[in-house]
């Protein structure tokens, strides 16, 4: 949706907003949160009597909260003789996170690719004679300490075998290579043939002038045309510029992998980003 030339996400429908508000309101009570957690982590469920004992509440209080959680669909109840077995509604395991994503706009339509791509940046396919420049740019990224966990610039043969041949791009300004982007397959299994991981590097003296946007624009449009359905990027948490750059290309933050890698005695987190082809 575009209003006055500004792209805006569609508003949340009243019906959905009412449903989600009901869900969140039901959980605005600590005992219910504890109760739902207890049931969800108990394979096969629990009887109301067992729940009462676990929670340390009276049976009437426990029954009241079970009823409220069942009314909105978080719990399922099954009679077993004179007892009632309480089970988690498996649909809420996906429904509740989905509701949070909808409300926070995570699932709103995302941009296709970066805008305001500078005209003086030429992005073209990587040639064999570009490898020395690519390794130079890679080395400058490595020196920042937030671009990669590599400790040495990979050799040409390694990079060539790592990256998809049809998805290697370099950016030039005045005939000089100032950045590159590449995609690598995430798996050799056929079911993941349309999933690739992104790498984008820009030389130090060209950062902040749109080179990264130009590279990502070419990367994602070519990936879409080639039928790749998901692009991923794993960015060191401290590299906020790279995270913001990927967001301009339709990537969304999926999560944070805490203390995923250790370098020079220091643990680092990475932010996992993902871009899904809009028609895929």
C-alpha atoms as a PDB file:
ATOM      1  CA  UNK A   1       0.000   0.000   0.000  1.00  0.00           C
ATOM      2  CA  UNK A   2       1.335   3.445  -0.911  1.00  0.00           C
ATOM      3  CA  UNK A   3       0.087   6.698   0.605  1.00  0.00           C
ATOM      4  CA  UNK A   4       1.450  10.029  -0.680  1.00  0.00           C
ATOM      5  CA  UNK A   5       4.351   8.154  -2.219  1.00  0.00           C
ATOM      6  CA  UNK A   6       5.244   6.420   1.041  1.00  0.00           C
ATOM      7  CA  UNK A   7       4.924   2.647   1.257  1.00  0.00           C
ATOM      8  CA  UNK A   8       2.962   1.593   4.314  1.00  0.00           C
ATOM      9  CA  UNK A   9       2.088  -1.812   5.726  1.00  0.00           C
ATOM     10  CA  UNK A  10      -1.651  -2.613   5.771  1.00  0.00           C
ATOM     11  CA  UNK A  11      -3.352  -2.070   9.106  1.00  0.00           C
ATOM     12  CA  UNK A  12      -4.167  -5.012  11.341  1.00  0.00           C
ATOM     13  CA  UNK A  13      -7.838  -6.056  10.832  1.00  0.00           C
ATOM     14  CA  UNK A  14     -10.122  -5.409  13.819  1.00  0.00           C
ATOM     15  CA  UNK A  15     -11.153  -9.055  14.051  1.00  0.00           C
ATOM     16  CA  UNK A  16      -7.565 -10.287  14.277  1.00  0.00           C
ATOM     17  CA  UNK A  17      -6.671  -7.525  16.739  1.00  0.00           C
ATOM     18  CA  UNK A  18      -9.594  -8.565  18.976  1.00  0.00           C
ATOM     19  CA  UNK A  19      -8.570 -12.219  18.886  1.00  0.00           C
ATOM     20  CA  UNK A  20      -4.945 -11.481  19.716  1.00  0.00           C
ATOM     21  CA  UNK A  21      -5.942  -9.076  22.499  1.00  0.00           C
ATOM     22  CA  UNK A  22      -8.034 -11.850  24.020  1.00  0.00           C
ATOM     23  CA  UNK A  23      -5.082 -14.227  23.912  1.00  0.00           C
ATOM     24  CA  UNK A  24      -2.677 -11.748  25.481  1.00  0.00           C
ATOM     25  CA  UNK A  25      -5.216 -10.721  28.132  1.00  0.00           C
ATOM     26  CA  UNK A  26      -5.697 -14.352  29.115  1.00  0.00           C
ATOM     27  CA  UNK A  27      -1.961 -14.627  29.768  1.00  0.00           C
ATOM     28  CA  UNK A  28      -1.817 -11.415  31.824  1.00  0.00           C
ATOM     29  CA  UNK A  29      -1.920 -13.503  34.975  1.00  0.00           C
ATOM     30  CA  UNK A  30       1.251 -15.167  36.319  1.00  0.00           C
ATOM     31  CA  UNK A  31      -0.504 -18.302  37.554  1.00  0.00           C
ATOM     32  CA  UNK A  32      -1.913 -18.954  34.071  1.00  0.00           C
ATOM     33  CA  UNK A  33       1.508 -18.529  32.499  1.00  0.00           C
ATOM     34  CA  UNK A  34       2.984 -21.000  34.989  1.00  0.00           C
ATOM     35  CA  UNK A  35       0.075 -23.375  34.424  1.00  0.00           C
ATOM     36  CA  UNK A  36       0.418 -23.274  30.625  1.00  0.00           C
ATOM     37  CA  UNK A  37       4.177 -23.819  30.900  1.00  0.00           C
ATOM     38  CA  UNK A  38       3.686 -26.769  33.252  1.00  0.00           C
ATOM     39  CA  UNK A  39       1.231 -28.456  30.896  1.00  0.00           C
ATOM     40  CA  UNK A  40       3.301 -27.700  27.792  1.00  0.00           C
ATOM     41  CA  UNK A  41       6.381 -29.321  29.339  1.00  0.00           C
ATOM     42  CA  UNK A  42       4.524 -32.421  30.566  1.00  0.00           C
ATOM     43  CA  UNK A  43       4.271 -35.057  27.809  1.00  0.00           C
ATOM     44  CA  UNK A  44       0.818 -36.612  27.850  1.00  0.00           C
ATOM     45  CA  UNK A  45      -0.620 -33.761  29.905  1.00  0.00           C
ATOM     46  CA  UNK A  46      -1.687 -33.682  33.547  1.00  0.00           C
ATOM     47  CA  UNK A  47      -4.899 -34.121  35.480  1.00  0.00           C
ATOM     48  CA  UNK A  48      -6.323 -31.122  37.289  1.00  0.00           C
ATOM     49  CA  UNK A  49      -5.336 -32.808  40.540  1.00  0.00           C
ATOM     50  CA  UNK A  50      -1.733 -33.206  39.398  1.00  0.00           C
ATOM     51  CA  UNK A  51      -1.668 -29.600  38.213  1.00  0.00           C
ATOM     52  CA  UNK A  52      -3.000 -28.376  41.541  1.00  0.00           C
ATOM     53  CA  UNK A  53      -0.175 -30.176  43.322  1.00  0.00           C
ATOM     54  CA  UNK A  54       2.476 -28.905  40.919  1.00  0.00           C
ATOM     55  CA  UNK A  55       1.349 -25.287  41.182  1.00  0.00           C
ATOM     56  CA  UNK A  56       0.687 -25.298  44.917  1.00  0.00           C
ATOM     57  CA  UNK A  57      -2.771 -23.757  44.516  1.00  0.00           C
ATOM     58  CA  UNK A  58      -6.263 -24.833  45.535  1.00  0.00           C
ATOM     59  CA  UNK A  59      -8.172 -27.083  43.160  1.00  0.00           C
ATOM     60  CA  UNK A  60     -10.860 -24.436  42.614  1.00  0.00           C
ATOM     61  CA  UNK A  61      -8.237 -21.846  41.628  1.00  0.00           C
ATOM     62  CA  UNK A  62      -6.507 -24.304  39.310  1.00  0.00           C
ATOM     63  CA  UNK A  63      -9.809 -25.303  37.680  1.00  0.00           C
ATOM     64  CA  UNK A  64     -10.712 -21.647  37.149  1.00  0.00           C
ATOM     65  CA  UNK A  65      -7.463 -20.900  35.316  1.00  0.00           C
ATOM     66  CA  UNK A  66      -7.666 -24.124  33.302  1.00  0.00           C
ATOM     67  CA  UNK A  67     -11.151 -23.121  32.155  1.00  0.00           C
ATOM     68  CA  UNK A  68      -9.981 -19.656  31.068  1.00  0.00           C
ATOM     69  CA  UNK A  69      -7.023 -21.067  29.123  1.00  0.00           C
ATOM     70  CA  UNK A  70      -9.252 -23.659  27.477  1.00  0.00           C
ATOM     71  CA  UNK A  71     -11.802 -21.019  26.446  1.00  0.00           C
ATOM     72  CA  UNK A  72      -9.274 -19.160  24.305  1.00  0.00           C
ATOM     73  CA  UNK A  73      -7.828 -22.391  22.914  1.00  0.00           C
ATOM     74  CA  UNK A  74      -4.499 -22.692  24.708  1.00  0.00           C
ATOM     75  CA  UNK A  75      -5.522 -25.925  26.439  1.00  0.00           C
ATOM     76  CA  UNK A  76      -7.521 -29.000  25.427  1.00  0.00           C
ATOM     77  CA  UNK A  77      -9.498 -30.961  28.040  1.00  0.00           C
ATOM     78  CA  UNK A  78     -10.251 -34.691  27.963  1.00  0.00           C
ATOM     79  CA  UNK A  79     -12.438 -36.574  30.403  1.00  0.00           C
ATOM     80  CA  UNK A  80     -10.914 -39.742  31.839  1.00  0.00           C
ATOM     81  CA  UNK A  81     -13.576 -41.296  34.060  1.00  0.00           C
ATOM     82  CA  UNK A  82     -14.090 -38.814  36.888  1.00  0.00           C
ATOM     83  CA  UNK A  83     -10.858 -36.920  36.140  1.00  0.00           C
ATOM     84  CA  UNK A  84     -10.063 -34.277  33.568  1.00  0.00           C
ATOM     85  CA  UNK A  85      -6.773 -34.503  31.718  1.00  0.00           C
ATOM     86  CA  UNK A  86      -5.325 -31.179  30.611  1.00  0.00           C
ATOM     87  CA  UNK A  87      -3.279 -31.079  27.417  1.00  0.00           C
ATOM     88  CA  UNK A  88      -1.667 -28.208  25.572  1.00  0.00           C
ATOM     89  CA  UNK A  89      -3.316 -27.306  22.275  1.00  0.00           C
ATOM     90  CA  UNK A  90      -0.444 -27.891  19.858  1.00  0.00           C
ATOM     91  CA  UNK A  91      -1.791 -25.200  17.542  1.00  0.00           C
ATOM     92  CA  UNK A  92      -0.954 -22.540  20.115  1.00  0.00           C
ATOM     93  CA  UNK A  93       2.721 -23.466  19.842  1.00  0.00           C
ATOM     94  CA  UNK A  94       2.678 -21.839  16.405  1.00  0.00           C
ATOM     95  CA  UNK A  95      -0.365 -19.616  16.769  1.00  0.00           C
ATOM     96  CA  UNK A  96       0.909 -17.570  19.707  1.00  0.00           C
ATOM     97  CA  UNK A  97       4.345 -16.760  18.208  1.00  0.00           C
ATOM     98  CA  UNK A  98       2.604 -16.000  14.913  1.00  0.00           C
ATOM     99  CA  UNK A  99       0.284 -13.555  16.669  1.00  0.00           C
ATOM    100  CA  UNK A 100       3.242 -11.775  18.242  1.00  0.00           C
ATOM    101  CA  UNK A 101       4.959 -11.554  14.842  1.00  0.00           C
ATOM    102  CA  UNK A 102       1.820 -10.120  13.213  1.00  0.00           C
ATOM    103  CA  UNK A 103       1.326  -7.502  15.922  1.00  0.00           C
ATOM    104  CA  UNK A 104       4.986  -6.435  15.820  1.00  0.00           C
ATOM    105  CA  UNK A 105       4.946  -6.188  12.025  1.00  0.00           C
ATOM    106  CA  UNK A 106       7.483  -8.947  11.442  1.00  0.00           C
ATOM    107  CA  UNK A 107       5.215 -10.554   8.847  1.00  0.00           C
ATOM    108  CA  UNK A 108       4.312  -7.300   7.097  1.00  0.00           C
ATOM    109  CA  UNK A 109       5.282  -7.027   3.427  1.00  0.00           C
ATOM    110  CA  UNK A 110       8.988  -6.276   3.139  1.00  0.00           C
ATOM    111  CA  UNK A 111      10.851  -4.352   0.454  1.00  0.00           C
ATOM    112  CA  UNK A 112      11.928  -6.225  -2.649  1.00  0.00           C
ATOM    113  CA  UNK A 113      15.362  -4.673  -2.749  1.00  0.00           C
ATOM    114  CA  UNK A 114      17.290  -1.586  -1.677  1.00  0.00           C
ATOM    115  CA  UNK A 115      16.233   1.800  -3.020  1.00  0.00           C
ATOM    116  CA  UNK A 116      18.417   4.818  -3.856  1.00  0.00           C
ATOM    117  CA  UNK A 117      21.111   2.742  -5.528  1.00  0.00           C
ATOM    118  CA  UNK A 118      23.942   5.133  -6.513  1.00  0.00           C
ATOM    119  CA  UNK A 119      24.389   5.602 -10.246  1.00  0.00           C
ATOM    120  CA  UNK A 120      28.162   5.815 -10.080  1.00  0.00           C
ATOM    121  CA  UNK A 121      28.490   2.268  -8.728  1.00  0.00           C
ATOM    122  CA  UNK A 122      28.661  -0.419 -11.387  1.00  0.00           C
ATOM    123  CA  UNK A 123      27.819  -3.961 -10.300  1.00  0.00           C
ATOM    124  CA  UNK A 124      28.890  -6.751 -12.637  1.00  0.00           C
ATOM    125  CA  UNK A 125      29.718 -10.448 -12.582  1.00  0.00           C
ATOM    126  CA  UNK A 126      33.014 -11.382 -10.944  1.00  0.00           C
ATOM    127  CA  UNK A 127      35.768 -12.233 -13.451  1.00  0.00           C
ATOM    128  CA  UNK A 128      38.862 -14.355 -12.940  1.00  0.00           C
ATOM    129  CA  UNK A 129      41.081 -11.258 -12.888  1.00  0.00           C
ATOM    130  CA  UNK A 130      39.007  -9.806 -10.003  1.00  0.00           C
ATOM    131  CA  UNK A 131      40.145 -12.353  -7.435  1.00  0.00           C
ATOM    132  CA  UNK A 132      43.106 -10.321  -6.085  1.00  0.00           C
ATOM    133  CA  UNK A 133      40.814  -7.327  -5.536  1.00  0.00           C
ATOM    134  CA  UNK A 134      38.142  -9.511  -3.957  1.00  0.00           C
ATOM    135  CA  UNK A 135      40.671 -10.948  -1.510  1.00  0.00           C
ATOM    136  CA  UNK A 136      41.878  -7.427  -0.707  1.00  0.00           C
ATOM    137  CA  UNK A 137      38.331  -6.298   0.110  1.00  0.00           C
ATOM    138  CA  UNK A 138      37.797  -9.487   2.109  1.00  0.00           C
ATOM    139  CA  UNK A 139      40.935  -8.715   4.115  1.00  0.00           C
ATOM    140  CA  UNK A 140      39.709  -5.210   4.948  1.00  0.00           C
ATOM    141  CA  UNK A 141      36.464  -6.706   6.215  1.00  0.00           C
ATOM    142  CA  UNK A 142      38.347  -9.259   8.267  1.00  0.00           C
ATOM    143  CA  UNK A 143      40.382  -6.458   9.864  1.00  0.00           C
ATOM    144  CA  UNK A 144      37.238  -4.831  11.300  1.00  0.00           C
ATOM    145  CA  UNK A 145      36.709  -7.795  13.632  1.00  0.00           C
ATOM    146  CA  UNK A 146      32.926  -7.734  13.055  1.00  0.00           C
ATOM    147  CA  UNK A 147      32.604  -8.918   9.458  1.00  0.00           C
ATOM    148  CA  UNK A 148      33.641 -12.568   9.766  1.00  0.00           C
ATOM    149  CA  UNK A 149      35.023 -15.152  12.161  1.00  0.00           C
ATOM    150  CA  UNK A 150      37.732 -16.050   9.647  1.00  0.00           C
ATOM    151  CA  UNK A 151      41.258 -15.349  10.869  1.00  0.00           C
ATOM    152  CA  UNK A 152      42.845 -15.428   7.407  1.00  0.00           C
ATOM    153  CA  UNK A 153      41.588 -14.481   3.970  1.00  0.00           C
ATOM    154  CA  UNK A 154      40.592 -17.697   2.158  1.00  0.00           C
ATOM    155  CA  UNK A 155      42.520 -18.699  -0.939  1.00  0.00           C
ATOM    156  CA  UNK A 156      40.999 -18.184  -4.385  1.00  0.00           C
ATOM    157  CA  UNK A 157      40.325 -21.884  -4.943  1.00  0.00           C
ATOM    158  CA  UNK A 158      38.442 -22.074  -1.653  1.00  0.00           C
ATOM    159  CA  UNK A 159      36.303 -19.027  -2.429  1.00  0.00           C
ATOM    160  CA  UNK A 160      35.607 -20.235  -5.955  1.00  0.00           C
ATOM    161  CA  UNK A 161      34.416 -23.613  -4.689  1.00  0.00           C
ATOM    162  CA  UNK A 162      32.444 -22.038  -1.845  1.00  0.00           C
ATOM    163  CA  UNK A 163      30.390 -19.546  -3.858  1.00  0.00           C
ATOM    164  CA  UNK A 164      27.746 -20.205  -6.502  1.00  0.00           C
ATOM    165  CA  UNK A 165      29.308 -19.390  -9.880  1.00  0.00           C
ATOM    166  CA  UNK A 166      26.227 -17.529 -11.140  1.00  0.00           C
ATOM    167  CA  UNK A 167      25.920 -15.370  -8.007  1.00  0.00           C
ATOM    168  CA  UNK A 168      29.286 -13.651  -7.577  1.00  0.00           C
ATOM    169  CA  UNK A 169      29.250  -9.882  -8.075  1.00  0.00           C
ATOM    170  CA  UNK A 170      31.733  -7.069  -7.754  1.00  0.00           C
ATOM    171  CA  UNK A 171      31.075  -3.344  -7.417  1.00  0.00           C
ATOM    172  CA  UNK A 172      33.264  -0.843  -9.246  1.00  0.00           C
ATOM    173  CA  UNK A 173      33.676   2.894  -8.822  1.00  0.00           C
ATOM    174  CA  UNK A 174      35.787   4.619 -11.477  1.00  0.00           C
ATOM    175  CA  UNK A 175      37.012   1.222 -12.680  1.00  0.00           C
ATOM    176  CA  UNK A 176      38.213   0.085  -9.239  1.00  0.00           C
ATOM    177  CA  UNK A 177      36.684  -2.872  -7.355  1.00  0.00           C
ATOM    178  CA  UNK A 178      35.333  -1.528  -4.057  1.00  0.00           C
ATOM    179  CA  UNK A 179      33.129  -4.399  -2.928  1.00  0.00           C
ATOM    180  CA  UNK A 180      31.707  -7.805  -3.684  1.00  0.00           C
ATOM    181  CA  UNK A 181      28.742 -10.005  -2.848  1.00  0.00           C
ATOM    182  CA  UNK A 182      28.317 -13.738  -3.218  1.00  0.00           C
ATOM    183  CA  UNK A 183      25.951 -16.558  -2.379  1.00  0.00           C
ATOM    184  CA  UNK A 184      26.894 -19.977  -1.124  1.00  0.00           C
ATOM    185  CA  UNK A 185      24.574 -23.017  -0.893  1.00  0.00           C
ATOM    186  CA  UNK A 186      23.532 -23.895   2.650  1.00  0.00           C
ATOM    187  CA  UNK A 187      23.330 -27.613   1.905  1.00  0.00           C
ATOM    188  CA  UNK A 188      24.074 -30.142  -0.827  1.00  0.00           C
ATOM    189  CA  UNK A 189      20.716 -31.830  -0.242  1.00  0.00           C
ATOM    190  CA  UNK A 190      18.277 -31.324  -3.156  1.00  0.00           C
ATOM    191  CA  UNK A 191      15.480 -30.098  -0.867  1.00  0.00           C
ATOM    192  CA  UNK A 192      17.600 -27.021  -0.021  1.00  0.00           C
ATOM    193  CA  UNK A 193      18.580 -26.249  -3.604  1.00  0.00           C
ATOM    194  CA  UNK A 194      16.832 -22.880  -3.457  1.00  0.00           C
ATOM    195  CA  UNK A 195      18.435 -21.717  -0.199  1.00  0.00           C
ATOM    196  CA  UNK A 196      21.691 -19.770  -0.116  1.00  0.00           C
ATOM    197  CA  UNK A 197      23.738 -17.739   2.362  1.00  0.00           C
ATOM    198  CA  UNK A 198      24.726 -14.157   1.563  1.00  0.00           C
ATOM    199  CA  UNK A 199      28.096 -12.454   1.929  1.00  0.00           C
ATOM    200  CA  UNK A 200      28.591  -8.723   1.256  1.00  0.00           C
ATOM    201  CA  UNK A 201      31.890  -6.842   1.729  1.00  0.00           C
ATOM    202  CA  UNK A 202      32.798  -3.231   0.965  1.00  0.00           C
ATOM    203  CA  UNK A 203      36.274  -1.734   1.050  1.00  0.00           C
ATOM    204  CA  UNK A 204      36.955   0.703   3.876  1.00  0.00           C
ATOM    205  CA  UNK A 205      37.245   3.870   1.787  1.00  0.00           C
ATOM    206  CA  UNK A 206      33.946   3.201  -0.021  1.00  0.00           C
ATOM    207  CA  UNK A 207      31.709   2.499   2.953  1.00  0.00           C
ATOM    208  CA  UNK A 208      28.715   4.731   3.514  1.00  0.00           C
ATOM    209  CA  UNK A 209      28.180   5.688  -0.140  1.00  0.00           C
ATOM    210  CA  UNK A 210      25.690   3.015  -1.185  1.00  0.00           C
ATOM    211  CA  UNK A 211      28.017   0.324  -2.513  1.00  0.00           C
ATOM    212  CA  UNK A 212      26.447  -2.280  -0.237  1.00  0.00           C
ATOM    213  CA  UNK A 213      22.944  -1.297  -1.403  1.00  0.00           C
ATOM    214  CA  UNK A 214      23.993  -1.634  -5.032  1.00  0.00           C
ATOM    215  CA  UNK A 215      25.493  -5.071  -4.420  1.00  0.00           C
ATOM    216  CA  UNK A 216      22.458  -6.337  -2.515  1.00  0.00           C
ATOM    217  CA  UNK A 217      20.103  -4.957  -5.159  1.00  0.00           C
ATOM    218  CA  UNK A 218      21.858  -7.043  -7.812  1.00  0.00           C
ATOM    219  CA  UNK A 219      22.152 -10.039  -5.506  1.00  0.00           C
ATOM    220  CA  UNK A 220      18.492 -10.338  -4.550  1.00  0.00           C
ATOM    221  CA  UNK A 221      17.040  -9.508  -7.957  1.00  0.00           C
ATOM    222  CA  UNK A 222      19.252 -12.090  -9.648  1.00  0.00           C
ATOM    223  CA  UNK A 223      18.477 -14.644  -6.934  1.00  0.00           C
ATOM    224  CA  UNK A 224      14.761 -14.074  -7.433  1.00  0.00           C
ATOM    225  CA  UNK A 225      15.098 -14.491 -11.191  1.00  0.00           C
ATOM    226  CA  UNK A 226      17.110 -17.689 -10.721  1.00  0.00           C
ATOM    227  CA  UNK A 227      14.399 -19.248  -8.561  1.00  0.00           C
ATOM    228  CA  UNK A 228      16.214 -19.157  -5.222  1.00  0.00           C
ATOM    229  CA  UNK A 229      13.434 -19.018  -2.640  1.00  0.00           C
ATOM    230  CA  UNK A 230      15.320 -18.184   0.561  1.00  0.00           C
ATOM    231  CA  UNK A 231      18.449 -16.158   1.253  1.00  0.00           C
ATOM    232  CA  UNK A 232      20.112 -16.203   4.660  1.00  0.00           C
ATOM    233  CA  UNK A 233      22.718 -14.068   6.369  1.00  0.00           C
ATOM    234  CA  UNK A 234      24.479 -14.655   9.674  1.00  0.00           C
ATOM    235  CA  UNK A 235      25.838 -11.342  10.944  1.00  0.00           C
ATOM    236  CA  UNK A 236      27.988 -10.748  14.022  1.00  0.00           C
ATOM    237  CA  UNK A 237      25.753  -8.903  16.478  1.00  0.00           C
ATOM    238  CA  UNK A 238      28.025  -5.883  16.673  1.00  0.00           C
ATOM    239  CA  UNK A 239      27.812  -5.268  12.921  1.00  0.00           C
ATOM    240  CA  UNK A 240      24.707  -3.075  13.050  1.00  0.00           C
ATOM    241  CA  UNK A 241      25.411  -1.508   9.647  1.00  0.00           C
ATOM    242  CA  UNK A 242      25.279  -4.901   7.931  1.00  0.00           C
ATOM    243  CA  UNK A 243      22.049  -5.835   9.709  1.00  0.00           C
ATOM    244  CA  UNK A 244      20.416  -2.564   8.649  1.00  0.00           C
ATOM    245  CA  UNK A 245      21.683  -3.019   5.090  1.00  0.00           C
ATOM    246  CA  UNK A 246      20.148  -6.476   4.800  1.00  0.00           C
ATOM    247  CA  UNK A 247      16.833  -5.166   6.113  1.00  0.00           C
ATOM    248  CA  UNK A 248      16.694  -2.786   3.123  1.00  0.00           C
ATOM    249  CA  UNK A 249      16.790  -5.835   0.847  1.00  0.00           C
ATOM    250  CA  UNK A 250      13.803  -7.554   2.409  1.00  0.00           C
ATOM    251  CA  UNK A 251      15.686  -9.599   4.980  1.00  0.00           C
ATOM    252  CA  UNK A 252      14.049  -9.966   8.395  1.00  0.00           C
ATOM    253  CA  UNK A 253      15.676 -10.813  11.693  1.00  0.00           C
ATOM    254  CA  UNK A 254      14.847 -14.404  12.586  1.00  0.00           C
ATOM    255  CA  UNK A 255      16.696 -14.596  15.885  1.00  0.00           C
ATOM    256  CA  UNK A 256      19.947 -14.325  17.783  1.00  0.00           C
ATOM    257  CA  UNK A 257      22.349 -17.235  18.197  1.00  0.00           C
ATOM    258  CA  UNK A 258      23.908 -16.539  21.565  1.00  0.00           C
ATOM    259  CA  UNK A 259      27.600 -17.251  22.184  1.00  0.00           C
ATOM    260  CA  UNK A 260      27.765 -19.151  18.907  1.00  0.00           C
ATOM    261  CA  UNK A 261      31.453 -18.564  18.206  1.00  0.00           C
ATOM    262  CA  UNK A 262      34.589 -17.843  20.195  1.00  0.00           C
ATOM    263  CA  UNK A 263      37.452 -15.802  18.813  1.00  0.00           C
ATOM    264  CA  UNK A 264      40.491 -14.526  20.672  1.00  0.00           C
ATOM    265  CA  UNK A 265      38.971 -15.807  23.912  1.00  0.00           C
ATOM    266  CA  UNK A 266      35.765 -13.787  23.473  1.00  0.00           C
ATOM    267  CA  UNK A 267      32.297 -15.257  22.863  1.00  0.00           C
ATOM    268  CA  UNK A 268      30.203 -13.637  20.144  1.00  0.00           C
ATOM    269  CA  UNK A 269      26.517 -13.672  19.198  1.00  0.00           C
ATOM    270  CA  UNK A 270      25.268 -13.680  15.629  1.00  0.00           C
ATOM    271  CA  UNK A 271      22.012 -12.321  14.239  1.00  0.00           C
ATOM    272  CA  UNK A 272      20.299 -14.669  11.793  1.00  0.00           C
ATOM    273  CA  UNK A 273      18.496 -12.898   8.952  1.00  0.00           C
ATOM    274  CA  UNK A 274      16.329 -14.392   6.240  1.00  0.00           C
ATOM    275  CA  UNK A 275      14.785 -13.198   3.006  1.00  0.00           C
ATOM    276  CA  UNK A 276      11.973 -15.112   1.334  1.00  0.00           C
ATOM    277  CA  UNK A 277      11.194 -14.557  -2.329  1.00  0.00           C
ATOM    278  CA  UNK A 278       7.828 -12.822  -2.338  1.00  0.00           C
ATOM    279  CA  UNK A 279       6.204 -15.137  -4.890  1.00  0.00           C
ATOM    280  CA  UNK A 280       7.877 -18.307  -3.605  1.00  0.00           C
END
